[in-house]
Amino acid sequence: MDGFHFQNRRDFLRYLLGAGAAMYGFAGMSKNLMLDKGITKLVILYTNDQHSRIDPFPANDPKNPDQGGFARRASVIKKIRATEPNVLLLDAGDIFQGTPYFNLYQGEVEYKLMSEMGYDCTTLGNHDFDLGMENVVKQMPHAKFDFVCANYIFKNTPLENKIKPYKIYNRGGLRIGVFGLGIELAGLVSKKLYGDTQYFNPVMVANDIAKTLKKEEKCDYVICLSHLGYKYEDKKVSDMTLSEETKDIDIIIGAHTHTFLEKPVLKANAEKKEVHVTQVGWAGIWLGRIDVAFSHNNKKNSTETAYYKILKSQA
């Protein structure tokens, strides 16, 4: 790697939040004036592990008959946006791989349709590397949404300068910070597909990024798009580990383990504050929804959740 290695945490953070931030154009934005009165509601819609399931499952599928489908999901999202002004649409990775659409079009269809649906942001899953980083770069012009991942460093790879550690969105006077975390690729993905990509401990990175978003960027709400997996029997870092060992994250939207959670799990973080952990299975069978209400001074005061099972009646 031509000598490009971080010797310690300080060097890593200097790159990620210093030179990296400048390179990606994340200059800090001044905080918008908040609403003088009333309640502002943020609606977070999300998916994970879509795996190129453009069409619904067939009616005779033994597990998911006539469920899912991009067109049906688009219809649900359109109806929500018709009544809700402050919507974020997010994905936690593994957009690619799983049907002939990917084999034939290599991700172009997925990115184009997600753009039509108005996705705001995604992170990278291990299967998004299945045709190599060059293919992700090739398909990116079809994606009208952001890519975030904070614990992969893509120096000296085709993805250098193309993936942001985090992104800040403004909705209804609120500042919403979104950052991504990826699973360790070694052992899951062929080395030739991820090349010189460097992986860093997600707990360490999450603590530093979330602190930056809350304390320095003055975000009202911090979302982690995690492709680590919900939980494991061994000591492998998972969303449950992340929730307990970090601070300043409000919600972890997970992926990788294809876990259907009927409602978000509430965990106490390292400061004994509440963090939500959620995941909506795979293949676009469910669309997740979290409604967060903020009072006039942007203090979060209530959260409601809903899941939309994507069925034929919603087409």
Protein backbone atom coordinates (compact mmCIF):
# COMPACT_ATOMS: atom_id res chain seq x y z
CA MET A 1 0.00 0.00 0.00
CA ASP A 2 2.98 2.30 -0.59
CA GLY A 3 3.41 2.89 3.12
CA PHE A 4 -0.15 4.13 3.73
CA HIS A 5 -1.02 2.82 7.20
CA PHE A 6 -2.36 4.59 10.28
CA GLN A 7 -0.01 4.05 13.18
CA ASN A 8 -2.50 5.04 15.86
CA ARG A 9 -5.99 6.32 16.57
CA ARG A 10 -4.91 9.94 16.44
CA ASP A 11 -3.56 9.58 12.90
CA PHE A 12 -6.75 7.83 11.81
CA LEU A 13 -9.00 10.56 13.22
CA ARG A 14 -6.82 13.31 11.78
CA TYR A 15 -7.34 11.77 8.35
CA LEU A 16 -11.04 10.99 8.77
CA LEU A 17 -12.18 14.23 10.38
CA GLY A 18 -9.46 16.53 9.11
CA ALA A 19 -7.95 15.96 5.70
CA GLY A 20 -10.71 13.50 4.85
CA ALA A 21 -13.43 15.96 5.81
CA ALA A 22 -11.89 18.74 3.78
CA MET A 23 -11.45 16.43 0.80
CA TYR A 24 -15.08 15.39 0.93
CA GLY A 25 -16.31 18.94 1.48
CA PHE A 26 -17.90 18.50 4.90
CA ALA A 27 -17.27 22.04 6.05
CA GLY A 28 -19.29 22.57 9.20
CA MET A 29 -22.60 24.32 8.57
CA SER A 30 -24.04 26.95 10.85
CA LYS A 31 -27.00 25.74 12.87
CA ASN A 32 -30.36 26.74 11.41
CA LEU A 33 -32.79 28.68 13.52
CA MET A 34 -35.26 26.36 15.21
CA LEU A 35 -38.99 26.73 15.13
CA ASP A 36 -40.24 29.16 17.74
CA LYS A 37 -43.03 26.90 18.91
CA GLY A 38 -44.78 23.61 18.37
CA ILE A 39 -43.51 20.14 17.57
CA THR A 40 -41.44 19.06 14.60
CA LYS A 41 -41.79 15.43 13.51
CA LEU A 42 -39.02 13.58 11.72
CA VAL A 43 -40.03 10.45 9.78
CA ILE A 44 -37.22 7.95 9.15
CA LEU A 45 -37.96 5.25 6.56
CA TYR A 46 -35.45 2.47 6.07
CA THR A 47 -34.52 -0.82 4.45
CA ASN A 48 -31.61 -3.24 4.64
CA ASP A 49 -30.27 -6.21 2.68
CA GLN A 50 -32.39 -5.59 -0.40
CA HIS A 51 -30.32 -8.10 -2.39
CA SER A 52 -31.53 -7.04 -5.83
CA ARG A 53 -35.13 -8.15 -5.15
CA ILE A 54 -36.68 -5.85 -7.72
CA ASP A 55 -39.79 -7.99 -8.26
CA PRO A 56 -42.06 -9.39 -5.54
CA PHE A 57 -41.53 -12.98 -4.48
CA PRO A 58 -43.71 -15.31 -6.56
CA ALA A 59 -47.13 -16.27 -5.23
CA ASN A 60 -45.96 -19.85 -4.68
CA ASP A 61 -42.85 -18.95 -2.70
CA PRO A 62 -42.88 -21.13 0.45
CA LYS A 63 -41.67 -18.40 2.81
CA ASN A 64 -42.57 -14.99 1.40
CA PRO A 65 -45.42 -15.49 -1.10
CA ASP A 66 -46.24 -12.40 -3.16
CA GLN A 67 -44.33 -10.10 -0.82
CA GLY A 68 -41.90 -7.28 -1.48
CA GLY A 69 -41.11 -5.55 -4.74
CA PHE A 70 -39.60 -2.15 -5.51
CA ALA A 71 -42.74 -0.77 -7.19
CA ARG A 72 -44.94 -1.58 -4.20
CA ARG A 73 -42.45 -0.04 -1.81
CA ALA A 74 -42.30 3.07 -3.96
CA SER A 75 -46.07 3.38 -3.69
CA VAL A 76 -45.96 3.17 0.11
CA ILE A 77 -43.18 5.76 0.30
CA LYS A 78 -45.07 8.12 -2.01
CA LYS A 79 -48.16 7.95 0.18
CA ILE A 80 -46.13 8.72 3.31
CA ARG A 81 -44.40 11.68 1.69
CA ALA A 82 -47.77 13.08 0.64
CA THR A 83 -48.63 13.73 4.30
CA GLU A 84 -45.22 14.01 5.99
CA PRO A 85 -42.92 16.95 5.10
CA ASN A 86 -39.78 15.82 6.96
CA VAL A 87 -38.80 12.39 5.64
CA LEU A 88 -35.40 10.66 5.48
CA LEU A 89 -35.15 7.44 3.42
CA LEU A 90 -32.16 5.29 4.33
CA ASP A 91 -30.62 1.88 3.60
CA ALA A 92 -28.10 -0.15 5.61
CA GLY A 93 -26.35 -1.98 2.79
CA ASP A 94 -26.27 -5.16 0.68
CA ILE A 95 -28.23 -3.58 -2.12
CA PHE A 96 -26.52 -5.92 -4.58
CA GLN A 97 -26.61 -9.67 -5.25
CA GLY A 98 -29.43 -12.18 -5.17
CA THR A 99 -31.40 -12.14 -8.44
CA PRO A 100 -30.71 -12.16 -12.19
CA TYR A 101 -31.18 -8.38 -12.24
CA PHE A 102 -27.79 -8.05 -10.59
CA ASN A 103 -26.20 -10.70 -12.77
CA LEU A 104 -27.36 -8.89 -15.92
CA TYR A 105 -27.15 -5.21 -14.94
CA GLN A 106 -24.57 -5.25 -12.13
CA GLY A 107 -26.47 -2.85 -9.85
CA GLU A 108 -27.62 -0.24 -12.35
CA VAL A 109 -31.30 -1.15 -11.93
CA GLU A 110 -31.12 -1.08 -8.12
CA TYR A 111 -29.45 2.34 -7.97
CA LYS A 112 -31.77 3.85 -10.58
CA LEU A 113 -34.92 2.66 -8.84
CA MET A 114 -33.71 3.71 -5.41
CA SER A 115 -32.99 7.15 -6.87
CA GLU A 116 -36.52 7.28 -8.25
CA MET A 117 -37.83 6.45 -4.77
CA GLY A 118 -35.84 9.32 -3.32
CA TYR A 119 -33.38 7.47 -1.09
CA ASP A 120 -31.16 9.89 0.78
CA CYS A 121 -28.31 7.70 1.98
CA THR A 122 -26.92 4.18 2.21
CA THR A 123 -23.88 2.43 3.62
CA LEU A 124 -21.92 -0.44 2.07
CA GLY A 125 -22.59 -4.09 2.82
CA ASN A 126 -20.19 -6.93 2.09
CA HIS A 127 -22.20 -8.06 -0.96
CA ASP A 128 -21.92 -4.60 -2.48
CA PHE A 129 -18.29 -5.58 -3.17
CA ASP A 130 -19.26 -8.75 -5.07
CA LEU A 131 -18.13 -7.38 -8.44
CA GLY A 132 -15.35 -5.30 -6.93
CA MET A 133 -14.96 -1.65 -6.06
CA GLU A 134 -14.65 -0.76 -9.73
CA ASN A 135 -18.25 -1.87 -10.24
CA VAL A 136 -19.51 0.27 -7.35
CA VAL A 137 -17.78 3.27 -8.95
CA LYS A 138 -19.23 2.32 -12.34
CA GLN A 139 -22.78 2.27 -10.94
CA MET A 140 -22.48 5.40 -8.79
CA PRO A 141 -23.58 7.81 -11.56
CA HIS A 142 -26.97 6.08 -11.38
CA ALA A 143 -27.26 6.80 -7.64
CA LYS A 144 -28.79 10.14 -6.65
CA PHE A 145 -28.12 9.45 -2.99
CA ASP A 146 -25.16 9.57 -0.61
CA PHE A 147 -22.84 6.76 0.45
CA VAL A 148 -21.44 6.81 4.00
CA CYS A 149 -19.01 4.54 5.79
CA ALA A 150 -16.75 5.75 8.59
CA ASN A 151 -14.68 2.68 9.48
CA TYR A 152 -13.42 1.81 6.00
CA ILE A 153 -10.59 3.91 4.60
CA PHE A 154 -10.40 3.69 0.81
CA LYS A 155 -7.04 5.39 0.29
CA ASN A 156 -5.37 4.07 -2.88
CA THR A 157 -8.50 2.26 -4.06
CA PRO A 158 -11.12 3.04 -6.75
CA LEU A 159 -13.47 4.28 -4.00
CA GLU A 160 -11.07 6.91 -2.67
CA ASN A 161 -12.88 10.26 -2.26
CA LYS A 162 -16.22 8.68 -3.17
CA ILE A 163 -17.52 7.49 0.23
CA LYS A 164 -18.19 9.98 3.04
CA PRO A 165 -17.79 9.10 6.73
CA TYR A 166 -21.02 10.96 7.48
CA LYS A 167 -23.62 13.27 6.05
CA ILE A 168 -25.81 15.90 7.70
CA TYR A 169 -29.38 16.44 6.54
CA ASN A 170 -31.67 19.33 7.39
CA ARG A 171 -35.34 18.51 7.88
CA GLY A 172 -37.82 21.00 9.32
CA GLY A 173 -35.08 22.98 11.07
CA LEU A 174 -33.50 19.83 12.49
CA ARG A 175 -29.92 18.74 11.88
CA ILE A 176 -29.78 14.97 11.38
CA GLY A 177 -26.37 13.28 11.31
CA VAL A 178 -26.07 9.96 9.47
CA PHE A 179 -22.94 7.84 9.45
CA GLY A 180 -22.17 4.30 8.30
CA LEU A 181 -20.27 1.30 9.63
CA GLY A 182 -19.16 -1.75 7.68
CA ILE A 183 -18.39 -5.30 8.74
CA GLU A 184 -14.84 -6.66 8.56
CA LEU A 185 -14.40 -7.76 4.95
CA ALA A 186 -11.55 -10.21 5.50
CA GLY A 187 -12.99 -13.71 5.43
CA LEU A 188 -16.28 -12.54 3.88
CA VAL A 189 -15.07 -10.97 0.66
CA SER A 190 -12.20 -11.96 -1.61
CA LYS A 191 -9.17 -9.74 -1.04
CA LYS A 192 -9.01 -8.90 -4.73
CA LEU A 193 -12.49 -7.34 -4.51
CA TYR A 194 -11.77 -4.94 -1.63
CA GLY A 195 -8.08 -4.43 -2.29
CA ASP A 196 -6.32 -1.97 0.01
CA THR A 197 -9.46 -0.97 1.89
CA GLN A 198 -8.58 -0.60 5.57
CA TYR A 199 -11.01 -1.68 8.28
CA PHE A 200 -11.10 0.00 11.70
CA ASN A 201 -12.79 -1.02 14.91
CA PRO A 202 -16.42 0.11 14.56
CA VAL A 203 -16.93 0.87 18.26
CA MET A 204 -13.95 3.21 18.39
CA VAL A 205 -14.94 4.90 15.15
CA ALA A 206 -18.61 5.19 16.12
CA ASN A 207 -17.76 6.91 19.40
CA ASP A 208 -15.60 9.48 17.67
CA ILE A 209 -17.96 10.15 14.77
CA ALA A 210 -21.08 10.34 16.96
CA LYS A 211 -19.33 12.73 19.32
CA THR A 212 -18.34 14.90 16.37
CA LEU A 213 -21.91 14.95 15.07
CA LYS A 214 -23.51 15.74 18.43
CA LYS A 215 -20.94 18.03 20.01
CA GLU A 216 -19.21 19.78 17.11
CA GLU A 217 -21.75 19.61 14.29
CA LYS A 218 -24.60 20.24 16.78
CA CYS A 219 -26.84 17.55 15.33
CA ASP A 220 -30.21 17.09 16.98
CA TYR A 221 -30.36 13.39 16.13
CA VAL A 222 -27.67 10.88 15.16
CA ILE A 223 -28.35 7.80 13.03
CA CYS A 224 -25.91 4.94 12.51
CA LEU A 225 -26.37 2.81 9.39
CA SER A 226 -24.71 -0.40 10.48
CA HIS A 227 -23.82 -3.43 8.40
CA LEU A 228 -22.32 -5.25 11.38
CA GLY A 229 -25.19 -7.66 12.17
CA TYR A 230 -27.72 -7.67 14.99
CA LYS A 231 -25.97 -9.95 17.51
CA TYR A 232 -23.67 -12.97 17.71
CA GLU A 233 -22.88 -15.76 20.16
CA ASP A 234 -19.17 -14.94 20.08
CA LYS A 235 -17.38 -11.62 20.68
CA LYS A 236 -17.77 -10.36 17.13
CA VAL A 237 -18.86 -6.72 17.14
CA SER A 238 -22.61 -6.43 16.52
CA ASP A 239 -25.29 -3.77 16.76
CA MET A 240 -26.01 -4.89 20.31
CA THR A 241 -22.33 -4.45 21.21
CA LEU A 242 -22.30 -1.09 19.51
CA SER A 243 -25.38 0.13 21.36
CA GLU A 244 -23.89 -0.69 24.77
CA GLU A 245 -20.35 0.57 24.20
CA THR A 246 -20.97 3.90 22.48
CA LYS A 247 -22.38 7.34 23.24
CA ASP A 248 -24.29 9.99 21.28
CA ILE A 249 -26.08 7.61 18.88
CA ASP A 250 -29.88 7.83 18.90
CA ILE A 251 -30.70 4.92 16.60
CA ILE A 252 -28.81 2.06 14.97
CA ILE A 253 -30.40 0.87 11.72
CA GLY A 254 -28.85 -2.53 11.17
CA ALA A 255 -28.31 -5.12 8.46
CA HIS A 256 -26.33 -8.23 7.47
CA THR A 257 -28.04 -10.83 9.69
CA HIS A 258 -31.43 -10.44 7.96
CA THR A 259 -33.10 -10.06 11.34
CA PHE A 260 -36.81 -9.22 11.43
CA LEU A 261 -37.39 -7.14 14.56
CA GLU A 262 -41.08 -6.51 15.17
CA LYS A 263 -40.13 -3.38 17.07
CA PRO A 264 -36.86 -1.63 17.85
CA VAL A 265 -34.90 -2.96 20.80
CA LEU A 266 -34.20 -0.31 23.43
CA LYS A 267 -30.73 -0.49 24.95
CA ALA A 268 -28.83 1.59 27.49
CA ASN A 269 -25.68 3.04 25.99
CA ALA A 270 -22.36 3.75 27.73
CA GLU A 271 -23.96 6.75 29.45
CA LYS A 272 -27.12 4.80 30.37
CA LYS A 273 -29.09 6.76 27.79
CA GLU A 274 -31.63 5.11 25.50
CA VAL A 275 -30.63 4.00 22.02
CA HIS A 276 -32.89 2.21 19.53
CA VAL A 277 -31.64 -0.82 17.60
CA THR A 278 -33.68 -1.91 14.59
CA GLN A 279 -33.52 -4.08 11.46
CA VAL A 280 -36.19 -5.08 8.94
CA GLY A 281 -35.13 -8.49 7.67
CA TRP A 282 -34.17 -8.56 4.02
CA ALA A 283 -35.36 -8.39 0.38
CA GLY A 284 -37.56 -5.34 0.90
CA ILE A 285 -40.30 -7.43 2.48
CA TRP A 286 -40.68 -4.77 5.18
CA LEU A 287 -40.21 -1.02 5.14
CA GLY A 288 -39.27 0.34 8.55
CA ARG A 289 -40.56 3.62 9.94
CA ILE A 290 -39.52 5.60 13.00
CA ASP A 291 -41.33 8.85 13.87
CA VAL A 292 -39.41 11.13 16.23
CA ALA A 293 -41.05 14.22 17.73
CA PHE A 294 -38.98 17.23 18.79
CA SER A 295 -40.18 20.06 20.98
CA HIS A 296 -39.60 23.73 20.18
CA ASN A 297 -36.05 23.63 21.55
CA ASN A 298 -35.27 20.46 19.54
CA LYS A 299 -35.26 18.15 22.52
CA LYS A 300 -36.49 14.72 21.51
CA ASN A 301 -39.59 13.92 23.52
CA SER A 302 -41.29 10.92 21.90
CA THR A 303 -40.70 8.13 19.40
CA GLU A 304 -43.19 5.95 17.54
CA THR A 305 -42.46 2.99 15.28
CA ALA A 306 -44.28 1.19 12.49
CA TYR A 307 -43.43 -1.50 9.95
CA TYR A 308 -44.99 -1.80 6.52
CA LYS A 309 -45.21 -5.31 5.16
CA ILE A 310 -44.98 -4.83 1.40
CA LEU A 311 -47.95 -6.68 -0.10
CA LYS A 312 -49.81 -6.75 -3.40
CA SER A 313 -52.61 -4.54 -2.04
CA GLN A 314 -50.09 -1.66 -1.75
CA ALA A 315 -49.17 -1.64 -5.44
